[in-house]
Every structure is written in structure tokens, then in C-alpha cells.
Amino acid sequence: MDHTFDRSSLGAFLRTRRTALQPEDVGLRRGQRRRAPGLRREEVAELCTMSADYFARLERGDGPQPSEQMIAAIARGLRLTPDERDHLFLLAGYRTARRDVRLQHVSPGLMRVMDGLAGTTAQVMGPLGETLLQTPSAVALLGDQTHYSGNARSATYRWFTDPDSRGRYHPEQYADNSRINVALLRAAVTRDGPGSPSADLADVLLRTSDEFARLWERHEVGLRWSETKRFVHPQVGELELYCQLLLEPDQGQSLLIFTATPGTESHEKLALLTVLGTDHFTAATD
């Protein structure tokens, strides 16, 4: 901690942000019995993945100092802008959000889009391939990719250091995926410069992966992901999906939306993943 924890102001700020949010802003139905403006504490607590009692104590100003991870969760749940997020960190007693926390913060615009894509296979990615947010269908398709820490948060790092990370992708695309991962990271290093997170990641991979080092020496740039991706799911088998990429240039984040051609076997399998979600497949795997 390097700043004063202001319980009273933190509580007031949380109350104003909660009452300013409308149910429609977070993909909820308004319903008939909503008397007070904004969201209920219980609804915000669920969005922030915490108990309603804990959030109520923070609002009242008699709760404990939240951790940086908790503040980050609140910032995302309340759909705060980057400026509002930084203000929240100051009120909670932290001079500013750490660099890795700032990179994890999903913009309010992308959060609103994701709220409307709850029944779709989609996920938000950070600038180094960090999965920041997934819909249930995306978790069912690719597994939970949001729980990693350190370098492993980057899909590029996992691709070259963890053989299991390739398990959901078709083997015929391994070689191309490797080349594209390296080319995109090289472009990021050139853009961001020495000492940047992308440069640090490249240095780590050069020391730990012979495949990465070999491809890095080719100096390839300009490679792009194919719009068509082939996956191998442990329960439903092979899927050929169309991947739409939408960019959020200000924060370097991107939104991936996976769809399949109607009437195809892949379309039926993707629909099955969307309907059954992760619980069914987790149980089947166990």
C-alpha cells in the first residue's frame, strides 16, 4: 500500500457508479419491481464475483481494504472507464493500478458487446494474447483460459512452452500457428521497443523454446490469422469455425467471435457446446 485508504469516499464512489448502471448496460432484464435507480447490490456483487454482503460493507464504508485483485474485479463489474478505474485504485489505497492490472481491464465498450454475446462463442484478448474474458460457450470450446498467471497468461507463451495448449487445435495447423505467433510478436516488439512487455516475452521465449528461436531467426512479418480455424474438441470432435476479429485500438484489445456455417456439422457441434456449456463436459471428462 502506498496511498491512503479512503473508506468513506470509496463507498460513495461505488454507490454512485452502481446507481448509474442500468440493467440493460450489463445484459440484464429490467423486470417489474425495480423501484430504486440503477442496479441492486446483489446484481453488482455477482458481476464482480463477490458476496453481496462484502460489497454492501464497502459501500457503507465499514469494510476491510480490498486487495488489488478485488479492486480490478470491481472495476470490471461496474464497467468503469480507465480513468474511473485508476480513481478507484487511489481511493482503495493504491497509487495506481499495476501495469498487468491495467492490461487486464476490459473497456466498457467491449464489456457491453460481451454482455450481448452471452449465447455466442466469443472472448476478449489482450495485446499479448491474454484471454481477459470468455463467454460460457468459449470456455466449453477452448477451456478456461483466464486463470493463468505470469508469462503463462500469454497464449503465445503457452503455445511454445506447454504442449497441452495445442490440444484443442487441429495438428495440420500447428506449423502455421507457430509462424503467425512469432510474426505477430516480432511486429509487437518492433512497435513497442526494448524493455516493453512484448520484448520481455520474446526474450523469455528465445531462452526457453528452440522452435520459437528457430522461427524468430526467419524475421517473418505480416502474417495474419486465417479467418477459418480448425479445432479438435475432446467430446464433440473436429469443428471448422469462422473467426471474426474486432479491434479496440486504444487499449490493444481484440474481440474474437467464433461462428460456423449454418447447416454444417460444425454448426451443430457449436450449438451443442453453446447449449450444454462447460458443466456437462467437465463432468464427462472427470
C-alpha atoms as a PDB file:
ATOM      1  CA  MET A   1       0.000   0.000   0.000  1.00  0.00           C
ATOM      2  CA  ASP A   2       1.358   3.425  -0.931  1.00  0.00           C
ATOM      3  CA  HIS A   3      -1.672   5.684  -0.604  1.00  0.00           C
ATOM      4  CA  THR A   4      -4.347   6.466   1.986  1.00  0.00           C
ATOM      5  CA  PHE A   5      -7.297   4.086   2.045  1.00  0.00           C
ATOM      6  CA  ASP A   6     -10.369   6.394   1.985  1.00  0.00           C
ATOM      7  CA  ARG A   7     -13.259   4.165   3.106  1.00  0.00           C
ATOM      8  CA  SER A   8     -15.908   6.893   3.004  1.00  0.00           C
ATOM      9  CA  SER A   9     -15.075   8.181  -0.459  1.00  0.00           C
ATOM     10  CA  LEU A  10     -14.685   4.644  -1.784  1.00  0.00           C
ATOM     11  CA  GLY A  11     -18.177   3.779  -0.555  1.00  0.00           C
ATOM     12  CA  ALA A  12     -19.693   6.924  -2.045  1.00  0.00           C
ATOM     13  CA  PHE A  13     -17.971   6.304  -5.385  1.00  0.00           C
ATOM     14  CA  LEU A  14     -19.214   2.703  -5.510  1.00  0.00           C
ATOM     15  CA  ARG A  15     -22.783   3.816  -4.740  1.00  0.00           C
ATOM     16  CA  THR A  16     -22.810   6.426  -7.497  1.00  0.00           C
ATOM     17  CA  ARG A  17     -21.355   4.011 -10.046  1.00  0.00           C
ATOM     18  CA  ARG A  18     -23.857   1.300  -9.076  1.00  0.00           C
ATOM     19  CA  THR A  19     -26.888   3.584  -9.294  1.00  0.00           C
ATOM     20  CA  ALA A  20     -25.670   4.970 -12.632  1.00  0.00           C
ATOM     21  CA  LEU A  21     -25.614   1.479 -14.193  1.00  0.00           C
ATOM     22  CA  GLN A  22     -28.855   0.309 -15.769  1.00  0.00           C
ATOM     23  CA  PRO A  23     -29.813  -3.369 -16.113  1.00  0.00           C
ATOM     24  CA  GLU A  24     -29.618  -3.050 -19.886  1.00  0.00           C
ATOM     25  CA  ASP A  25     -25.997  -1.876 -19.588  1.00  0.00           C
ATOM     26  CA  VAL A  26     -24.927  -5.274 -18.280  1.00  0.00           C
ATOM     27  CA  GLY A  27     -27.262  -7.548 -20.249  1.00  0.00           C
ATOM     28  CA  LEU A  28     -29.940  -7.902 -17.534  1.00  0.00           C
ATOM     29  CA  ARG A  29     -33.711  -7.565 -17.916  1.00  0.00           C
ATOM     30  CA  ARG A  30     -35.258  -4.635 -16.081  1.00  0.00           C
ATOM     31  CA  GLY A  31     -38.244  -6.556 -14.671  1.00  0.00           C
ATOM     32  CA  GLN A  32     -41.373  -5.209 -12.983  1.00  0.00           C
ATOM     33  CA  ARG A  33     -40.373  -4.476  -9.379  1.00  0.00           C
ATOM     34  CA  ARG A  34     -37.342  -2.228  -9.774  1.00  0.00           C
ATOM     35  CA  ARG A  35     -38.072   0.885  -7.689  1.00  0.00           C
ATOM     36  CA  ALA A  36     -34.613   2.313  -6.974  1.00  0.00           C
ATOM     37  CA  PRO A  37     -32.421   3.628  -9.818  1.00  0.00           C
ATOM     38  CA  GLY A  38     -29.522   1.573 -11.110  1.00  0.00           C
ATOM     39  CA  LEU A  39     -28.512  -1.953 -10.215  1.00  0.00           C
ATOM     40  CA  ARG A  40     -29.152  -3.777  -6.964  1.00  0.00           C
ATOM     41  CA  ARG A  41     -26.157  -4.566  -4.742  1.00  0.00           C
ATOM     42  CA  GLU A  42     -26.754  -8.279  -5.305  1.00  0.00           C
ATOM     43  CA  GLU A  43     -26.522  -7.803  -9.071  1.00  0.00           C
ATOM     44  CA  VAL A  44     -23.286  -5.827  -8.864  1.00  0.00           C
ATOM     45  CA  ALA A  45     -21.790  -8.334  -6.432  1.00  0.00           C
ATOM     46  CA  GLU A  46     -22.476 -11.127  -8.917  1.00  0.00           C
ATOM     47  CA  LEU A  47     -20.890  -9.114 -11.742  1.00  0.00           C
ATOM     48  CA  CYS A  48     -17.819  -8.590  -9.538  1.00  0.00           C
ATOM     49  CA  THR A  49     -17.708 -12.240  -8.359  1.00  0.00           C
ATOM     50  CA  MET A  50     -18.027 -11.426  -4.661  1.00  0.00           C
ATOM     51  CA  SER A  51     -20.626 -11.733  -1.938  1.00  0.00           C
ATOM     52  CA  ALA A  52     -23.393  -9.161  -1.690  1.00  0.00           C
ATOM     53  CA  ASP A  53     -22.542  -8.666   1.998  1.00  0.00           C
ATOM     54  CA  TYR A  54     -18.918  -7.811   1.168  1.00  0.00           C
ATOM     55  CA  PHE A  55     -19.953  -5.284  -1.472  1.00  0.00           C
ATOM     56  CA  ALA A  56     -22.543  -3.749   0.883  1.00  0.00           C
ATOM     57  CA  ARG A  57     -19.852  -3.249   3.551  1.00  0.00           C
ATOM     58  CA  LEU A  58     -17.622  -1.493   1.036  1.00  0.00           C
ATOM     59  CA  GLU A  59     -20.490   0.795   0.079  1.00  0.00           C
ATOM     60  CA  ARG A  60     -21.247   1.581   3.733  1.00  0.00           C
ATOM     61  CA  GLY A  61     -17.580   2.379   4.368  1.00  0.00           C
ATOM     62  CA  ASP A  62     -17.037  -0.220   7.080  1.00  0.00           C
ATOM     63  CA  GLY A  63     -15.374  -2.965   5.065  1.00  0.00           C
ATOM     64  CA  PRO A  64     -11.722  -4.068   5.027  1.00  0.00           C
ATOM     65  CA  GLN A  65      -9.273  -2.727   2.480  1.00  0.00           C
ATOM     66  CA  PRO A  66      -9.867  -4.644  -0.767  1.00  0.00           C
ATOM     67  CA  SER A  67      -6.927  -6.304  -2.469  1.00  0.00           C
ATOM     68  CA  GLU A  68      -5.720  -5.031  -5.846  1.00  0.00           C
ATOM     69  CA  GLN A  69      -7.270  -8.111  -7.471  1.00  0.00           C
ATOM     70  CA  MET A  70     -10.619  -7.312  -5.830  1.00  0.00           C
ATOM     71  CA  ILE A  71     -10.483  -3.689  -6.965  1.00  0.00           C
ATOM     72  CA  ALA A  72      -9.753  -4.866 -10.505  1.00  0.00           C
ATOM     73  CA  ALA A  73     -12.802  -7.160 -10.353  1.00  0.00           C
ATOM     74  CA  ILE A  74     -14.982  -4.286  -9.107  1.00  0.00           C
ATOM     75  CA  ALA A  75     -13.713  -2.005 -11.871  1.00  0.00           C
ATOM     76  CA  ARG A  76     -14.650  -4.560 -14.474  1.00  0.00           C
ATOM     77  CA  GLY A  77     -18.002  -5.424 -12.894  1.00  0.00           C
ATOM     78  CA  LEU A  78     -19.023  -1.767 -12.700  1.00  0.00           C
ATOM     79  CA  ARG A  79     -17.905  -1.192 -16.309  1.00  0.00           C
ATOM     80  CA  LEU A  80     -15.532   1.591 -15.256  1.00  0.00           C
ATOM     81  CA  THR A  81     -13.546   3.613 -17.752  1.00  0.00           C
ATOM     82  CA  PRO A  82      -9.739   3.597 -17.396  1.00  0.00           C
ATOM     83  CA  ASP A  83      -9.871   6.969 -15.592  1.00  0.00           C
ATOM     84  CA  GLU A  84     -12.577   5.716 -13.210  1.00  0.00           C
ATOM     85  CA  ARG A  85     -10.602   2.519 -12.607  1.00  0.00           C
ATOM     86  CA  ASP A  86      -7.476   4.494 -11.654  1.00  0.00           C
ATOM     87  CA  HIS A  87      -9.576   6.708  -9.338  1.00  0.00           C
ATOM     88  CA  LEU A  88     -10.961   3.588  -7.665  1.00  0.00           C
ATOM     89  CA  PHE A  89      -7.442   2.274  -7.029  1.00  0.00           C
ATOM     90  CA  LEU A  90      -6.450   5.564  -5.406  1.00  0.00           C
ATOM     91  CA  LEU A  91      -9.490   5.519  -3.110  1.00  0.00           C
ATOM     92  CA  ALA A  92      -8.670   1.936  -2.112  1.00  0.00           C
ATOM     93  CA  GLY A  93      -5.153   2.934  -1.044  1.00  0.00           C
ATOM     94  CA  TYR A  94      -3.093   2.069  -4.127  1.00  0.00           C
ATOM     95  CA  ARG A  95      -1.215   4.776  -6.001  1.00  0.00           C
ATOM     96  CA  THR A  96      -2.166   3.307  -9.340  1.00  0.00           C
ATOM     97  CA  ALA A  97      -3.144   0.037 -10.918  1.00  0.00           C
ATOM     98  CA  ARG A  98      -0.157  -2.194 -11.698  1.00  0.00           C
ATOM     99  CA  ARG A  99       0.757  -2.498 -15.348  1.00  0.00           C
ATOM    100  CA  ASP A 100      -0.551  -6.060 -15.564  1.00  0.00           C
ATOM    101  CA  VAL A 101      -3.857  -4.997 -13.966  1.00  0.00           C
ATOM    102  CA  ARG A 102      -4.241  -2.131 -16.430  1.00  0.00           C
ATOM    103  CA  LEU A 103      -3.710  -4.522 -19.322  1.00  0.00           C
ATOM    104  CA  GLN A 104      -6.370  -6.857 -17.922  1.00  0.00           C
ATOM    105  CA  HIS A 105      -9.020  -4.138 -17.692  1.00  0.00           C
ATOM    106  CA  VAL A 106     -11.635  -4.704 -20.403  1.00  0.00           C
ATOM    107  CA  SER A 107     -13.003  -1.481 -21.859  1.00  0.00           C
ATOM    108  CA  PRO A 108     -16.669  -0.658 -21.074  1.00  0.00           C
ATOM    109  CA  GLY A 109     -17.456  -0.800 -24.788  1.00  0.00           C
ATOM    110  CA  LEU A 110     -16.173  -4.351 -25.144  1.00  0.00           C
ATOM    111  CA  MET A 111     -17.930  -5.335 -21.905  1.00  0.00           C
ATOM    112  CA  ARG A 112     -21.252  -4.109 -23.336  1.00  0.00           C
ATOM    113  CA  VAL A 113     -20.646  -6.075 -26.514  1.00  0.00           C
ATOM    114  CA  MET A 114     -19.808  -9.196 -24.496  1.00  0.00           C
ATOM    115  CA  ASP A 115     -22.987  -8.759 -22.427  1.00  0.00           C
ATOM    116  CA  GLY A 116     -24.939  -9.013 -25.664  1.00  0.00           C
ATOM    117  CA  LEU A 117     -22.991 -12.086 -26.778  1.00  0.00           C
ATOM    118  CA  ALA A 118     -23.768 -14.275 -23.778  1.00  0.00           C
ATOM    119  CA  GLY A 119     -25.109 -17.065 -26.008  1.00  0.00           C
ATOM    120  CA  THR A 120     -22.288 -16.736 -28.546  1.00  0.00           C
ATOM    121  CA  THR A 121     -18.781 -18.214 -28.638  1.00  0.00           C
ATOM    122  CA  ALA A 122     -16.610 -15.159 -28.011  1.00  0.00           C
ATOM    123  CA  GLN A 123     -13.675 -13.922 -25.941  1.00  0.00           C
ATOM    124  CA  VAL A 124     -11.702 -10.724 -25.343  1.00  0.00           C
ATOM    125  CA  MET A 125      -7.943 -10.881 -25.848  1.00  0.00           C
ATOM    126  CA  GLY A 126      -5.172  -8.596 -24.560  1.00  0.00           C
ATOM    127  CA  PRO A 127      -2.259  -7.271 -26.641  1.00  0.00           C
ATOM    128  CA  LEU A 128      -0.013 -10.280 -25.924  1.00  0.00           C
ATOM    129  CA  GLY A 129      -2.684 -12.926 -26.371  1.00  0.00           C
ATOM    130  CA  GLU A 130      -4.004 -12.817 -22.797  1.00  0.00           C
ATOM    131  CA  THR A 131      -7.575 -14.097 -22.564  1.00  0.00           C
ATOM    132  CA  LEU A 132      -9.348 -11.467 -20.470  1.00  0.00           C
ATOM    133  CA  LEU A 133     -12.963 -12.604 -20.734  1.00  0.00           C
ATOM    134  CA  GLN A 134     -14.803 -15.599 -22.191  1.00  0.00           C
ATOM    135  CA  THR A 135     -18.442 -16.461 -22.764  1.00  0.00           C
ATOM    136  CA  PRO A 136     -19.526 -19.877 -21.401  1.00  0.00           C
ATOM    137  CA  SER A 137     -19.534 -21.298 -24.922  1.00  0.00           C
ATOM    138  CA  ALA A 138     -15.934 -20.153 -25.477  1.00  0.00           C
ATOM    139  CA  VAL A 139     -14.916 -21.882 -22.246  1.00  0.00           C
ATOM    140  CA  ALA A 140     -16.665 -25.040 -23.477  1.00  0.00           C
ATOM    141  CA  LEU A 141     -14.818 -24.830 -26.800  1.00  0.00           C
ATOM    142  CA  LEU A 142     -11.320 -23.853 -25.663  1.00  0.00           C
ATOM    143  CA  GLY A 143     -11.267 -24.422 -21.912  1.00  0.00           C
ATOM    144  CA  ASP A 144     -10.894 -21.727 -19.263  1.00  0.00           C
ATOM    145  CA  GLN A 145      -8.046 -19.509 -20.456  1.00  0.00           C
ATOM    146  CA  THR A 146      -8.453 -16.712 -17.905  1.00  0.00           C
ATOM    147  CA  HIS A 147      -6.920 -18.369 -14.825  1.00  0.00           C
ATOM    148  CA  TYR A 148      -3.243 -18.274 -15.834  1.00  0.00           C
ATOM    149  CA  SER A 149      -0.653 -16.027 -14.185  1.00  0.00           C
ATOM    150  CA  GLY A 150       2.732 -14.608 -15.150  1.00  0.00           C
ATOM    151  CA  ASN A 151       4.054 -15.325 -18.637  1.00  0.00           C
ATOM    152  CA  ALA A 152       1.553 -18.174 -18.986  1.00  0.00           C
ATOM    153  CA  ARG A 153      -1.244 -15.609 -19.377  1.00  0.00           C
ATOM    154  CA  SER A 154       0.007 -15.146 -22.949  1.00  0.00           C
ATOM    155  CA  ALA A 155      -1.344 -17.681 -25.452  1.00  0.00           C
ATOM    156  CA  THR A 156       1.878 -17.247 -27.433  1.00  0.00           C
ATOM    157  CA  TYR A 157       3.969 -18.238 -24.414  1.00  0.00           C
ATOM    158  CA  ARG A 158       1.789 -21.286 -23.733  1.00  0.00           C
ATOM    159  CA  TRP A 159       1.900 -22.312 -27.405  1.00  0.00           C
ATOM    160  CA  PHE A 160       5.679 -22.715 -27.287  1.00  0.00           C
ATOM    161  CA  THR A 161       6.143 -23.940 -23.708  1.00  0.00           C
ATOM    162  CA  ASP A 162       3.106 -26.112 -22.889  1.00  0.00           C
ATOM    163  CA  PRO A 163       2.290 -28.975 -25.276  1.00  0.00           C
ATOM    164  CA  ASP A 164      -1.196 -29.280 -23.763  1.00  0.00           C
ATOM    165  CA  SER A 165      -2.048 -25.798 -25.044  1.00  0.00           C
ATOM    166  CA  ARG A 166      -2.228 -27.186 -28.588  1.00  0.00           C
ATOM    167  CA  GLY A 167      -4.710 -29.897 -27.695  1.00  0.00           C
ATOM    168  CA  ARG A 168      -7.831 -28.074 -28.937  1.00  0.00           C
ATOM    169  CA  TYR A 169      -6.288 -27.142 -32.307  1.00  0.00           C
ATOM    170  CA  HIS A 170      -6.035 -29.341 -35.407  1.00  0.00           C
ATOM    171  CA  PRO A 171      -2.481 -30.697 -35.869  1.00  0.00           C
ATOM    172  CA  GLU A 172      -2.445 -29.644 -39.539  1.00  0.00           C
ATOM    173  CA  GLN A 173      -2.479 -26.010 -38.385  1.00  0.00           C
ATOM    174  CA  TYR A 174       0.350 -26.296 -35.832  1.00  0.00           C
ATOM    175  CA  ALA A 175       3.112 -25.106 -38.185  1.00  0.00           C
ATOM    176  CA  ASP A 176       1.178 -22.103 -39.474  1.00  0.00           C
ATOM    177  CA  ASN A 177       0.044 -21.172 -35.970  1.00  0.00           C
ATOM    178  CA  SER A 178       3.651 -21.185 -34.770  1.00  0.00           C
ATOM    179  CA  ARG A 179       4.828 -18.940 -37.610  1.00  0.00           C
ATOM    180  CA  ILE A 180       1.937 -16.496 -37.104  1.00  0.00           C
ATOM    181  CA  ASN A 181       2.517 -16.302 -33.348  1.00  0.00           C
ATOM    182  CA  VAL A 182       6.176 -15.430 -33.905  1.00  0.00           C
ATOM    183  CA  ALA A 183       5.475 -12.913 -36.675  1.00  0.00           C
ATOM    184  CA  LEU A 184       2.851 -11.082 -34.603  1.00  0.00           C
ATOM    185  CA  LEU A 185       5.153 -10.937 -31.574  1.00  0.00           C
ATOM    186  CA  ARG A 186       8.007  -9.633 -33.721  1.00  0.00           C
ATOM    187  CA  ALA A 187       5.753  -6.863 -35.023  1.00  0.00           C
ATOM    188  CA  ALA A 188       4.770  -6.006 -31.436  1.00  0.00           C
ATOM    189  CA  VAL A 189       8.419  -5.846 -30.320  1.00  0.00           C
ATOM    190  CA  THR A 190       9.276  -3.546 -33.240  1.00  0.00           C
ATOM    191  CA  ARG A 191       6.325  -1.313 -32.405  1.00  0.00           C
ATOM    192  CA  ASP A 192       6.767  -1.239 -28.609  1.00  0.00           C
ATOM    193  CA  GLY A 193      10.560  -1.197 -28.410  1.00  0.00           C
ATOM    194  CA  PRO A 194      13.153  -2.613 -25.962  1.00  0.00           C
ATOM    195  CA  GLY A 195      12.003  -3.115 -22.387  1.00  0.00           C
ATOM    196  CA  SER A 196       8.349  -3.437 -23.399  1.00  0.00           C
ATOM    197  CA  PRO A 197       6.207  -6.403 -22.285  1.00  0.00           C
ATOM    198  CA  SER A 198       6.369  -7.794 -25.827  1.00  0.00           C
ATOM    199  CA  ALA A 199      10.184  -7.555 -25.854  1.00  0.00           C
ATOM    200  CA  ASP A 200      10.382  -9.216 -22.444  1.00  0.00           C
ATOM    201  CA  LEU A 201       8.145 -12.053 -23.676  1.00  0.00           C
ATOM    202  CA  ALA A 202      10.290 -12.561 -26.776  1.00  0.00           C
ATOM    203  CA  ASP A 203      13.448 -12.715 -24.636  1.00  0.00           C
ATOM    204  CA  VAL A 204      11.910 -15.365 -22.384  1.00  0.00           C
ATOM    205  CA  LEU A 205      10.776 -17.473 -25.339  1.00  0.00           C
ATOM    206  CA  LEU A 206      14.171 -17.217 -27.041  1.00  0.00           C
ATOM    207  CA  ARG A 207      15.693 -18.784 -23.916  1.00  0.00           C
ATOM    208  CA  THR A 208      13.058 -21.468 -23.377  1.00  0.00           C
ATOM    209  CA  SER A 209      11.839 -22.655 -26.801  1.00  0.00           C
ATOM    210  CA  ASP A 210      14.059 -23.969 -29.589  1.00  0.00           C
ATOM    211  CA  GLU A 211      11.121 -23.852 -32.006  1.00  0.00           C
ATOM    212  CA  PHE A 212      10.469 -20.201 -31.216  1.00  0.00           C
ATOM    213  CA  ALA A 213      14.164 -19.309 -31.551  1.00  0.00           C
ATOM    214  CA  ARG A 214      14.380 -21.058 -34.914  1.00  0.00           C
ATOM    215  CA  LEU A 215      11.313 -19.235 -36.269  1.00  0.00           C
ATOM    216  CA  TRP A 216      12.461 -15.909 -34.775  1.00  0.00           C
ATOM    217  CA  GLU A 217      15.599 -16.082 -36.949  1.00  0.00           C
ATOM    218  CA  ARG A 218      13.412 -16.071 -40.075  1.00  0.00           C
ATOM    219  CA  HIS A 219      12.335 -12.450 -39.386  1.00  0.00           C
ATOM    220  CA  GLU A 220       8.878 -13.056 -40.824  1.00  0.00           C
ATOM    221  CA  VAL A 221       6.327 -10.245 -40.518  1.00  0.00           C
ATOM    222  CA  GLY A 222       2.923  -9.521 -41.994  1.00  0.00           C
ATOM    223  CA  LEU A 223       1.443 -12.955 -41.303  1.00  0.00           C
ATOM    224  CA  ARG A 224      -2.216 -12.966 -40.247  1.00  0.00           C
ATOM    225  CA  TRP A 225      -4.539 -15.475 -38.666  1.00  0.00           C
ATOM    226  CA  SER A 226      -6.759 -17.302 -41.121  1.00  0.00           C
ATOM    227  CA  GLU A 227     -10.458 -16.471 -40.845  1.00  0.00           C
ATOM    228  CA  THR A 228     -11.137 -20.225 -40.772  1.00  0.00           C
ATOM    229  CA  LYS A 229      -9.863 -22.192 -37.790  1.00  0.00           C
ATOM    230  CA  ARG A 230      -9.971 -25.934 -37.178  1.00  0.00           C
ATOM    231  CA  PHE A 231     -10.431 -27.247 -33.667  1.00  0.00           C
ATOM    232  CA  VAL A 232     -10.487 -30.691 -32.076  1.00  0.00           C
ATOM    233  CA  HIS A 233     -12.771 -30.864 -29.044  1.00  0.00           C
ATOM    234  CA  PRO A 234     -12.356 -33.834 -26.680  1.00  0.00           C
ATOM    235  CA  GLN A 235     -16.108 -34.561 -26.670  1.00  0.00           C
ATOM    236  CA  VAL A 236     -17.636 -33.329 -29.950  1.00  0.00           C
ATOM    237  CA  GLY A 237     -14.630 -33.883 -32.220  1.00  0.00           C
ATOM    238  CA  GLU A 238     -13.488 -31.686 -35.105  1.00  0.00           C
ATOM    239  CA  LEU A 239     -15.003 -28.265 -35.799  1.00  0.00           C
ATOM    240  CA  GLU A 240     -14.276 -25.801 -38.594  1.00  0.00           C
ATOM    241  CA  LEU A 241     -15.179 -22.310 -37.407  1.00  0.00           C
ATOM    242  CA  TYR A 242     -15.112 -18.809 -38.833  1.00  0.00           C
ATOM    243  CA  CYS A 243     -13.278 -16.340 -36.591  1.00  0.00           C
ATOM    244  CA  GLN A 244     -14.270 -12.660 -36.730  1.00  0.00           C
ATOM    245  CA  LEU A 245     -11.728 -10.294 -35.161  1.00  0.00           C
ATOM    246  CA  LEU A 246     -12.768  -6.858 -33.878  1.00  0.00           C
ATOM    247  CA  LEU A 247     -10.086  -4.493 -32.580  1.00  0.00           C
ATOM    248  CA  GLU A 248     -10.161  -1.947 -29.739  1.00  0.00           C
ATOM    249  CA  PRO A 249      -7.154   0.147 -30.821  1.00  0.00           C
ATOM    250  CA  ASP A 250      -6.916   2.408 -27.755  1.00  0.00           C
ATOM    251  CA  GLN A 251      -6.159  -0.494 -25.408  1.00  0.00           C
ATOM    252  CA  GLY A 252      -4.772  -3.019 -27.860  1.00  0.00           C
ATOM    253  CA  GLN A 253      -7.584  -5.448 -27.044  1.00  0.00           C
ATOM    254  CA  SER A 254      -9.499  -7.573 -29.521  1.00  0.00           C
ATOM    255  CA  LEU A 255     -12.788  -9.415 -29.572  1.00  0.00           C
ATOM    256  CA  LEU A 256     -12.896 -12.865 -31.176  1.00  0.00           C
ATOM    257  CA  ILE A 257     -16.262 -14.253 -32.260  1.00  0.00           C
ATOM    258  CA  PHE A 258     -16.459 -17.856 -33.471  1.00  0.00           C
ATOM    259  CA  THR A 259     -19.276 -18.929 -35.788  1.00  0.00           C
ATOM    260  CA  ALA A 260     -19.986 -21.858 -38.086  1.00  0.00           C
ATOM    261  CA  THR A 261     -21.753 -22.096 -41.440  1.00  0.00           C
ATOM    262  CA  PRO A 262     -25.447 -22.946 -40.830  1.00  0.00           C
ATOM    263  CA  GLY A 263     -26.400 -26.452 -41.821  1.00  0.00           C
ATOM    264  CA  THR A 264     -22.922 -27.882 -41.373  1.00  0.00           C
ATOM    265  CA  GLU A 265     -21.816 -30.477 -38.845  1.00  0.00           C
ATOM    266  CA  SER A 266     -19.606 -27.853 -37.208  1.00  0.00           C
ATOM    267  CA  HIS A 267     -22.654 -25.613 -36.751  1.00  0.00           C
ATOM    268  CA  GLU A 268     -24.487 -28.423 -34.942  1.00  0.00           C
ATOM    269  CA  LYS A 269     -21.476 -29.138 -32.722  1.00  0.00           C
ATOM    270  CA  LEU A 270     -21.002 -25.475 -31.830  1.00  0.00           C
ATOM    271  CA  ALA A 271     -24.690 -25.206 -30.981  1.00  0.00           C
ATOM    272  CA  LEU A 272     -24.283 -28.244 -28.712  1.00  0.00           C
ATOM    273  CA  LEU A 273     -21.373 -26.564 -26.908  1.00  0.00           C
ATOM    274  CA  THR A 274     -23.419 -23.380 -26.517  1.00  0.00           C
ATOM    275  CA  VAL A 275     -26.425 -25.182 -25.065  1.00  0.00           C
ATOM    276  CA  LEU A 276     -24.619 -27.589 -22.766  1.00  0.00           C
ATOM    277  CA  GLY A 277     -21.854 -25.227 -21.628  1.00  0.00           C
ATOM    278  CA  THR A 278     -18.890 -26.285 -19.544  1.00  0.00           C
ATOM    279  CA  ASP A 279     -20.573 -28.247 -16.752  1.00  0.00           C
ATOM    280  CA  HIS A 280     -21.563 -31.175 -18.954  1.00  0.00           C
ATOM    281  CA  PHE A 281     -18.108 -31.568 -20.469  1.00  0.00           C
ATOM    282  CA  THR A 282     -16.306 -31.117 -17.170  1.00  0.00           C
ATOM    283  CA  ALA A 283     -18.373 -33.913 -15.693  1.00  0.00           C
ATOM    284  CA  ALA A 284     -17.809 -36.103 -18.731  1.00  0.00           C
ATOM    285  CA  THR A 285     -14.050 -35.538 -18.593  1.00  0.00           C
ATOM    286  CA  ASP A 286     -13.898 -36.249 -14.875  1.00  0.00           C
END
